Protein backbone atom coordinates (compact mmCIF):
# COMPACT_ATOMS: atom_id res chain seq x y z
CA MET A 1 -82.02 100.07 80.52
CA LYS A 2 -83.77 100.97 83.73
CA GLU A 3 -83.04 98.50 86.51
CA GLN A 4 -86.11 96.88 87.99
CA ASN A 5 -86.34 95.48 91.46
CA ILE A 6 -86.98 91.87 90.35
CA ASP A 7 -85.13 88.64 90.93
CA ILE A 8 -84.03 87.68 87.41
CA GLU A 9 -82.56 84.36 88.58
CA GLU A 10 -85.83 83.34 90.23
CA TYR A 11 -87.87 84.16 87.13
CA THR A 12 -85.34 82.37 84.92
CA ALA A 13 -85.71 79.20 87.00
CA ILE A 14 -89.51 79.45 86.86
CA PHE A 15 -89.57 79.93 83.08
CA LYS A 16 -87.11 77.07 82.53
CA ALA A 17 -89.26 74.76 84.64
CA LEU A 18 -92.45 75.78 82.83
CA ALA A 19 -90.85 75.49 79.37
CA HIS A 20 -91.77 71.81 79.02
CA PRO A 21 -95.38 71.10 77.93
CA THR A 22 -95.95 68.43 80.59
CA ARG A 23 -94.61 70.62 83.40
CA LEU A 24 -96.69 73.56 82.21
CA THR A 25 -99.75 71.30 82.18
CA ILE A 26 -99.00 70.03 85.69
CA ALA A 27 -98.45 73.53 87.09
CA TYR A 28 -101.54 74.96 85.42
CA ASN A 29 -103.78 72.15 86.68
CA LEU A 30 -102.32 72.36 90.16
CA MET A 31 -103.11 76.06 90.17
CA LEU A 32 -106.76 75.23 89.42
CA LYS A 33 -107.04 72.50 92.07
CA PRO A 34 -106.29 72.78 95.76
CA GLU A 35 -103.79 69.90 95.51
CA CYS A 36 -103.15 66.59 93.78
CA ASN A 37 -101.07 63.46 94.30
CA VAL A 38 -98.78 61.65 91.86
CA SER A 39 -101.17 58.75 91.22
CA LYS A 40 -103.94 61.09 90.08
CA MET A 41 -101.50 63.03 87.88
CA CYS A 42 -100.31 59.81 86.22
CA GLU A 43 -103.90 58.84 85.55
CA CYS A 44 -104.88 62.24 84.12
CA LEU A 45 -101.71 62.74 82.05
CA ASN A 46 -101.52 59.09 80.99
CA ILE A 47 -97.76 58.94 81.60
CA PRO A 48 -95.73 56.64 83.90
CA GLN A 49 -95.10 57.50 87.53
CA PRO A 50 -91.29 57.86 87.17
CA THR A 51 -91.79 60.45 84.41
CA VAL A 52 -94.28 62.43 86.48
CA SER A 53 -91.93 62.28 89.47
CA GLN A 54 -89.05 63.66 87.38
CA HIS A 55 -91.21 66.57 86.21
CA LEU A 56 -92.39 67.23 89.77
CA SER A 57 -88.79 67.29 90.98
CA ILE A 58 -87.90 69.97 88.44
CA LEU A 59 -90.95 72.03 89.39
CA LYS A 60 -90.15 71.72 93.11
CA ASN A 61 -86.50 72.70 92.61
CA ALA A 62 -87.62 75.82 90.75
CA LYS A 63 -90.07 76.59 93.60
CA VAL A 64 -93.00 76.39 91.17
CA ILE A 65 -94.80 73.85 93.38
CA VAL A 66 -94.62 72.59 96.93
CA GLY A 67 -95.37 69.14 98.28
CA HIS A 68 -96.55 67.91 101.63
CA ARG A 69 -97.13 64.46 103.08
CA ASN A 70 -100.70 63.30 103.48
CA GLY A 71 -100.48 59.84 105.02
CA ASN A 72 -98.47 57.69 102.62
CA GLN A 73 -98.92 60.09 99.69
CA THR A 74 -97.34 63.39 98.78
CA CYS A 75 -99.76 66.05 97.61
CA TYR A 76 -98.60 68.95 95.48
CA LYS A 77 -99.90 72.45 94.91
CA VAL A 78 -98.89 75.84 93.55
CA GLU A 79 -98.34 78.41 96.30
CA ASN A 80 -95.89 80.71 94.51
CA LEU A 81 -97.78 83.93 93.71
CA LYS A 82 -95.37 84.81 90.90
CA VAL A 83 -96.08 81.47 89.23
CA MET A 84 -99.82 81.97 89.63
CA ARG A 85 -99.62 85.39 87.98
CA ILE A 86 -97.59 83.96 85.08
CA LEU A 87 -100.01 81.07 84.52
CA LYS A 88 -103.07 83.34 84.76
CA GLN A 89 -101.50 85.71 82.24
CA ILE A 90 -100.83 82.86 79.80
CA VAL A 91 -104.41 81.65 79.82
CA SER A 92 -106.00 85.11 79.80
CA ASN A 93 -104.67 85.84 76.31
């Protein structure tokens, strides 16, 4: 096997985080929008806030999304170019 210059551990973490349907949905929609807060996600996904927060934590730990404070809310978005390429590839097929 020819060795590639890729970070296997990073991609493994990304794929593990995206393996859950809710997390994949969150990441994909965050890629399409500039950013979104937890309240809006709960409303759109129709799931409780603690559940959304758990999924967001997993996505943040895998560096799939980033969050920043906007007043008393945290807004999330996808900035990871590798994640964007993966998500675009999924929907292009």
